[in-house]
N, C-alpha and C. Protein backbone atom coordinates (compact mmCIF):
# COMPACT_ATOMS: atom_id res chain seq x y z
N UNK A 1 98.90 120.84 107.10
CA UNK A 1 98.39 120.10 108.30
C UNK A 1 96.87 120.31 108.35
N UNK A 2 96.20 119.06 108.45
CA UNK A 2 94.77 119.09 108.64
C UNK A 2 94.40 118.47 109.94
N UNK A 3 93.43 119.12 110.60
CA UNK A 3 92.94 118.45 111.80
C UNK A 3 91.46 118.45 111.93
N UNK A 4 90.99 117.51 112.64
CA UNK A 4 89.57 117.33 112.94
C UNK A 4 89.46 117.41 114.53
N UNK A 5 88.26 117.23 114.91
CA UNK A 5 88.21 117.13 116.47
C UNK A 5 88.97 116.08 116.97
N UNK A 6 89.97 116.42 117.70
CA UNK A 6 90.73 115.30 118.41
C UNK A 6 91.75 114.64 117.56
N UNK A 7 91.93 115.01 116.36
CA UNK A 7 92.98 114.33 115.47
C UNK A 7 93.75 115.32 114.53
N UNK A 8 94.99 115.23 114.65
CA UNK A 8 95.81 116.03 113.70
C UNK A 8 96.62 115.08 112.78
N UNK A 9 96.62 115.37 111.47
CA UNK A 9 97.34 114.51 110.59
C UNK A 9 98.25 115.48 109.76
N UNK A 10 99.59 115.17 109.73
CA UNK A 10 100.56 116.20 109.04
C UNK A 10 101.38 115.21 108.20
N UNK A 11 101.42 115.47 106.91
CA UNK A 11 102.46 114.77 106.06
C UNK A 11 103.55 115.67 105.75
N UNK A 12 104.68 115.06 105.99
CA UNK A 12 105.95 115.61 105.86
C UNK A 12 106.96 115.03 104.97
N UNK A 13 107.22 115.56 103.73
CA UNK A 13 108.15 114.87 102.77
C UNK A 13 109.49 114.97 103.53
N UNK A 14 110.15 113.86 103.54
CA UNK A 14 111.60 113.80 104.05
C UNK A 14 112.58 113.79 102.93
N UNK A 15 112.16 113.12 101.91
CA UNK A 15 113.03 113.10 100.60
C UNK A 15 112.14 112.59 99.53
N UNK A 16 112.62 112.45 98.24
CA UNK A 16 111.85 112.10 97.18
C UNK A 16 111.10 110.75 97.36
N UNK A 17 111.74 109.99 98.10
CA UNK A 17 111.28 108.53 98.27
C UNK A 17 110.81 108.28 99.73
N UNK A 18 110.88 109.23 100.59
CA UNK A 18 110.43 108.90 101.97
C UNK A 18 109.67 110.03 102.57
N UNK A 19 108.52 109.68 103.11
CA UNK A 19 107.59 110.65 103.70
C UNK A 19 107.27 110.23 105.17
N UNK A 20 107.01 111.16 106.01
CA UNK A 20 106.57 110.97 107.38
C UNK A 20 105.09 111.40 107.51
N UNK A 21 104.32 110.59 107.99
CA UNK A 21 102.85 111.00 108.25
C UNK A 21 102.66 111.07 109.79
N UNK A 22 102.53 112.22 110.41
CA UNK A 22 102.45 112.23 111.88
C UNK A 22 100.86 112.23 112.22
N UNK A 23 100.56 111.40 113.00
CA UNK A 23 99.15 111.11 113.42
C UNK A 23 99.07 111.59 114.92
N UNK A 24 98.37 112.47 115.33
CA UNK A 24 98.24 112.80 116.77
C UNK A 24 96.81 112.92 117.27
N UNK A 25 96.53 112.33 118.48
CA UNK A 25 95.22 112.51 119.03
C UNK A 25 94.56 111.17 119.07
N UNK A 26 93.20 111.27 118.80
CA UNK A 26 92.41 110.05 118.98
C UNK A 26 91.95 109.62 117.62
N UNK A 27 92.31 108.41 117.20
CA UNK A 27 91.91 107.95 115.95
C UNK A 27 90.72 106.96 116.05
N UNK A 28 89.50 107.29 115.64
CA UNK A 28 88.25 106.55 115.84
C UNK A 28 87.33 106.83 114.71
N UNK A 29 86.15 106.26 114.75
CA UNK A 29 85.28 106.38 113.64
C UNK A 29 84.91 107.77 113.30
N UNK A 30 84.94 108.68 114.28
CA UNK A 30 84.56 110.11 114.00
C UNK A 30 85.65 110.80 113.39
N UNK A 31 86.99 110.53 113.72
CA UNK A 31 88.17 111.23 113.27
C UNK A 31 88.76 110.46 111.99
N UNK A 32 88.46 109.20 111.85
CA UNK A 32 89.20 108.41 110.70
C UNK A 32 88.96 109.11 109.40
N UNK A 33 87.91 109.72 108.92
CA UNK A 33 87.94 110.37 107.55
C UNK A 33 89.02 111.40 107.41
N UNK A 34 89.60 112.12 108.42
CA UNK A 34 90.66 112.99 108.14
C UNK A 34 91.91 112.19 107.76
N UNK A 35 92.23 111.06 108.40
CA UNK A 35 93.34 110.23 108.01
C UNK A 35 93.18 109.61 106.78
N UNK A 36 91.88 109.08 106.51
CA UNK A 36 91.45 108.44 105.21
C UNK A 36 91.92 109.27 104.08
N UNK A 37 91.35 110.72 104.15
CA UNK A 37 91.54 111.71 103.16
C UNK A 37 93.06 111.82 102.66
N UNK A 38 93.87 111.98 103.75
CA UNK A 38 95.22 112.12 103.50
C UNK A 38 95.94 110.84 102.84
N UNK A 39 95.55 109.74 103.42
CA UNK A 39 96.11 108.43 102.80
C UNK A 39 95.59 108.20 101.37
N UNK A 40 94.26 108.60 101.16
CA UNK A 40 93.84 108.44 99.78
C UNK A 40 94.55 109.39 98.79
N UNK A 41 94.90 110.51 99.22
CA UNK A 41 95.69 111.45 98.36
C UNK A 41 97.10 111.03 98.22
N UNK A 42 97.68 110.26 99.08
CA UNK A 42 99.08 109.88 99.12
C UNK A 42 99.28 108.78 97.80
N UNK A 43 100.25 109.03 97.04
CA UNK A 43 100.56 108.24 95.93
C UNK A 43 101.85 107.21 96.44
N UNK A 44 101.56 105.96 96.49
CA UNK A 44 102.65 105.07 96.73
C UNK A 44 103.31 104.74 95.48
N UNK A 45 104.71 104.87 95.46
CA UNK A 45 105.50 104.56 94.25
C UNK A 45 106.47 103.45 94.58
N UNK A 46 106.97 102.63 93.63
CA UNK A 46 107.91 101.58 93.87
C UNK A 46 109.08 102.04 94.67
N UNK A 47 109.52 101.22 95.57
CA UNK A 47 110.72 101.50 96.36
C UNK A 47 110.72 102.78 97.23
N UNK A 48 109.56 103.30 97.35
CA UNK A 48 109.38 104.53 98.40
C UNK A 48 108.87 104.01 99.61
N UNK A 49 108.92 104.85 100.71
CA UNK A 49 108.48 104.47 101.92
C UNK A 49 107.60 105.64 102.72
N UNK A 50 106.80 105.09 103.44
CA UNK A 50 105.88 106.05 104.33
C UNK A 50 106.12 105.59 105.84
N UNK A 51 106.59 106.51 106.61
CA UNK A 51 106.62 106.14 108.05
C UNK A 51 105.34 106.88 108.61
N UNK A 52 104.57 106.17 109.35
CA UNK A 52 103.48 106.62 110.02
C UNK A 52 103.87 106.86 111.49
N UNK A 53 104.04 108.06 111.88
CA UNK A 53 104.45 108.37 113.30
C UNK A 53 103.27 108.46 114.11
N UNK A 54 103.21 107.42 114.99
CA UNK A 54 101.89 107.32 115.98
C UNK A 54 102.45 107.79 117.26
N UNK A 55 103.45 108.33 117.56
CA UNK A 55 103.97 108.68 118.94
C UNK A 55 103.08 109.52 119.63
N UNK A 56 102.29 110.31 119.05
CA UNK A 56 101.25 111.22 119.75
C UNK A 56 99.86 110.79 119.64
N UNK A 57 99.75 109.52 119.24
CA UNK A 57 98.38 108.79 119.15
C UNK A 57 97.89 108.37 120.46
N UNK A 58 96.81 108.81 120.93
CA UNK A 58 96.42 108.45 122.29
C UNK A 58 95.34 107.39 122.29
N UNK A 59 94.72 107.21 121.14
CA UNK A 59 93.64 106.14 121.05
C UNK A 59 93.50 105.65 119.69
N UNK A 60 93.22 104.39 119.37
CA UNK A 60 93.04 103.94 118.13
C UNK A 60 91.99 102.77 118.14
N UNK A 61 90.85 102.93 117.42
CA UNK A 61 89.90 101.95 117.54
C UNK A 61 90.03 101.11 116.27
N UNK A 62 89.01 100.18 115.98
CA UNK A 62 89.08 99.21 114.81
C UNK A 62 89.08 99.98 113.42
N UNK A 63 88.41 101.16 113.49
CA UNK A 63 88.28 101.97 112.27
C UNK A 63 89.79 102.30 111.90
N UNK A 64 90.52 102.97 112.81
CA UNK A 64 91.78 103.40 112.59
C UNK A 64 92.71 102.24 112.21
N UNK A 65 92.61 101.20 112.79
CA UNK A 65 93.48 100.01 112.61
C UNK A 65 93.26 99.59 111.05
N UNK A 66 91.92 99.59 110.65
CA UNK A 66 91.52 99.25 109.27
C UNK A 66 92.12 100.13 108.34
N UNK A 67 92.20 101.43 108.70
CA UNK A 67 92.86 102.38 107.76
C UNK A 67 94.45 102.04 107.65
N UNK A 68 95.02 101.81 108.68
CA UNK A 68 96.38 101.45 108.60
C UNK A 68 96.66 100.15 107.85
N UNK A 69 95.88 99.23 108.03
CA UNK A 69 96.02 97.99 107.29
C UNK A 69 95.82 98.23 105.74
N UNK A 70 94.86 99.18 105.52
CA UNK A 70 94.52 99.34 103.99
C UNK A 70 95.74 100.15 103.47
N UNK A 71 96.32 100.99 104.13
CA UNK A 71 97.49 101.88 103.72
C UNK A 71 98.70 100.77 103.39
N UNK A 72 98.80 99.83 104.35
CA UNK A 72 99.94 98.80 104.13
C UNK A 72 99.58 98.08 102.88
N UNK A 73 98.46 97.61 102.64
CA UNK A 73 98.07 96.79 101.52
C UNK A 73 98.34 97.63 100.22
N UNK A 74 97.90 98.92 100.11
CA UNK A 74 98.05 99.71 99.16
C UNK A 74 99.64 99.93 98.71
N UNK A 75 100.42 100.10 99.71
CA UNK A 75 101.78 100.19 99.47
C UNK A 75 102.46 99.03 99.10
N UNK A 76 101.97 97.80 99.56
CA UNK A 76 102.67 96.59 99.04
C UNK A 76 102.24 96.30 97.56
N UNK A 77 100.95 96.66 97.22
CA UNK A 77 100.58 96.47 95.80
C UNK A 77 101.33 97.46 94.86
N UNK A 78 101.94 98.63 95.38
CA UNK A 78 102.75 99.49 94.63
C UNK A 78 104.23 99.28 94.75
N UNK A 79 104.62 98.30 95.47
CA UNK A 79 106.02 97.98 95.70
C UNK A 79 106.59 98.88 96.66
N UNK A 80 105.83 99.57 97.50
CA UNK A 80 106.36 100.53 98.51
C UNK A 80 106.37 99.86 99.90
N UNK A 81 106.74 100.65 100.89
CA UNK A 81 106.70 100.13 102.19
C UNK A 81 106.14 101.16 103.28
N UNK A 82 105.45 100.61 104.23
CA UNK A 82 104.87 101.38 105.38
C UNK A 82 105.53 100.89 106.61
N UNK A 83 105.98 101.80 107.40
CA UNK A 83 106.46 101.49 108.73
C UNK A 83 105.81 102.33 109.74
N UNK A 84 105.51 101.73 110.87
CA UNK A 84 104.85 102.46 112.07
C UNK A 84 105.96 102.77 113.14
N UNK A 85 105.86 103.98 113.64
CA UNK A 85 106.85 104.47 114.65
C UNK A 85 106.17 105.03 116.00
N UNK A 86 106.69 104.71 116.99
CA UNK A 86 106.37 105.34 118.18
C UNK A 86 104.97 104.85 118.81
N UNK A 87 104.65 103.66 118.51
CA UNK A 87 103.37 103.15 119.09
C UNK A 87 103.26 103.12 120.65
N UNK A 88 102.31 103.77 121.22
CA UNK A 88 102.04 103.79 122.58
C UNK A 88 101.97 102.22 123.13
N UNK A 89 102.42 101.99 124.21
CA UNK A 89 102.49 100.53 124.68
C UNK A 89 101.07 99.87 124.71
N UNK A 90 100.02 100.63 125.06
CA UNK A 90 98.70 100.08 125.09
C UNK A 90 98.26 99.76 123.68
N UNK A 91 98.49 100.61 122.82
CA UNK A 91 98.11 100.31 121.35
C UNK A 91 99.03 99.19 120.66
N UNK A 92 100.28 99.27 121.05
CA UNK A 92 101.24 98.14 120.58
C UNK A 92 100.71 96.79 121.06
N UNK A 93 100.15 96.82 122.29
CA UNK A 93 99.75 95.52 122.86
C UNK A 93 98.40 95.01 122.01
N UNK A 94 97.60 95.94 121.60
CA UNK A 94 96.43 95.61 120.79
C UNK A 94 96.90 95.06 119.50
N UNK A 95 98.01 95.63 118.84
CA UNK A 95 98.43 95.35 117.61
C UNK A 95 99.09 93.88 117.79
N UNK A 96 99.70 93.65 118.80
CA UNK A 96 100.31 92.27 119.13
C UNK A 96 99.24 91.24 119.21
N UNK A 97 98.29 91.47 119.95
CA UNK A 97 97.12 90.49 120.03
C UNK A 97 96.42 90.16 118.75
N UNK A 98 96.32 91.23 117.93
CA UNK A 98 95.70 90.95 116.54
C UNK A 98 96.64 90.49 115.61
N UNK A 99 98.08 90.29 115.93
CA UNK A 99 98.85 89.88 115.03
C UNK A 99 99.45 90.88 113.99
N UNK A 100 99.14 92.16 114.20
CA UNK A 100 99.41 93.24 113.30
C UNK A 100 101.01 93.59 113.43
N UNK A 101 101.65 93.15 114.57
CA UNK A 101 103.02 93.35 114.73
C UNK A 101 103.80 92.56 113.73
N UNK A 102 103.20 91.52 113.10
CA UNK A 102 103.90 90.66 112.10
C UNK A 102 103.51 91.19 110.76
N UNK A 103 102.49 92.04 110.54
CA UNK A 103 102.22 92.64 109.31
C UNK A 103 102.91 93.93 109.13
N UNK A 104 103.06 94.72 110.19
CA UNK A 104 103.72 96.00 110.02
C UNK A 104 105.22 95.88 110.61
N UNK A 105 106.07 96.70 109.96
CA UNK A 105 107.38 96.99 110.46
C UNK A 105 107.16 98.13 111.57
N UNK A 106 107.36 97.74 112.84
CA UNK A 106 107.15 98.73 113.96
C UNK A 106 108.54 99.17 114.61
N UNK A 107 108.61 100.43 114.86
CA UNK A 107 109.89 100.98 115.36
C UNK A 107 109.61 101.87 116.47
N UNK A 108 110.53 101.97 117.35
CA UNK A 108 110.42 102.86 118.65
C UNK A 108 110.35 104.25 118.24
N UNK A 109 111.12 104.69 117.26
CA UNK A 109 111.14 106.17 116.85
C UNK A 109 110.96 106.26 115.42
N UNK A 110 110.80 107.56 115.05
CA UNK A 110 110.56 107.89 113.61
C UNK A 110 111.88 107.64 112.95
N UNK A 111 112.94 108.11 113.56
CA UNK A 111 114.31 107.98 112.96
C UNK A 111 114.64 106.52 112.62
N UNK A 112 114.40 105.66 113.60
CA UNK A 112 114.64 104.24 113.41
C UNK A 112 113.78 103.65 112.17
N UNK A 113 112.59 104.14 112.14
CA UNK A 113 111.73 103.69 111.06
C UNK A 113 112.17 104.19 109.63
N UNK A 114 112.67 105.45 109.73
CA UNK A 114 113.23 105.96 108.40
C UNK A 114 114.50 105.32 107.93
N UNK A 115 115.33 104.93 108.95
CA UNK A 115 116.55 104.24 108.68
C UNK A 115 116.24 102.88 108.00
N UNK A 116 115.17 102.17 108.64
CA UNK A 116 114.68 100.89 108.21
C UNK A 116 114.24 100.83 106.75
N UNK A 117 113.66 101.94 106.35
CA UNK A 117 113.03 102.07 105.14
C UNK A 117 113.98 102.60 103.98
N UNK A 118 115.15 103.17 104.44
CA UNK A 118 116.00 103.78 103.45
C UNK A 118 116.92 102.70 102.70
C-alpha cells in the first residue's frame, strides 16, 4: 500500500489474471503521481483484467480522469480489460457528461466488476 497526502492506492492480486486496485481519497494533480506510479508498474497481459475500485474516492479532477483513460488505453493495447467499480454519484455524473461511461465498464461494486471481467 502506498499513500500520499489525501490519496491511498492499494493493489490487490485477486487471481493470476485479475487484480483490484483500490483508490481512496482525493485524486488530483497533487496526488496523481502516486496512482501514476502504481499504474506504470502494472503489467497488462492479454485476457487479464484490472478492477479499479473507486468506492472510497471522494474527488477526481481532470488529471485523475486522464490517468484512468491512459490505463484503459494501455489495457486495450495489451488485450486486457479495465473496469471501474463504486463510482460516487457526483463523479459518475462527470464521467457521464464526458462520455466516459461509454468508454469504461462501470459497476456498482467491486464484486460485480470482477464477475464482468472473469
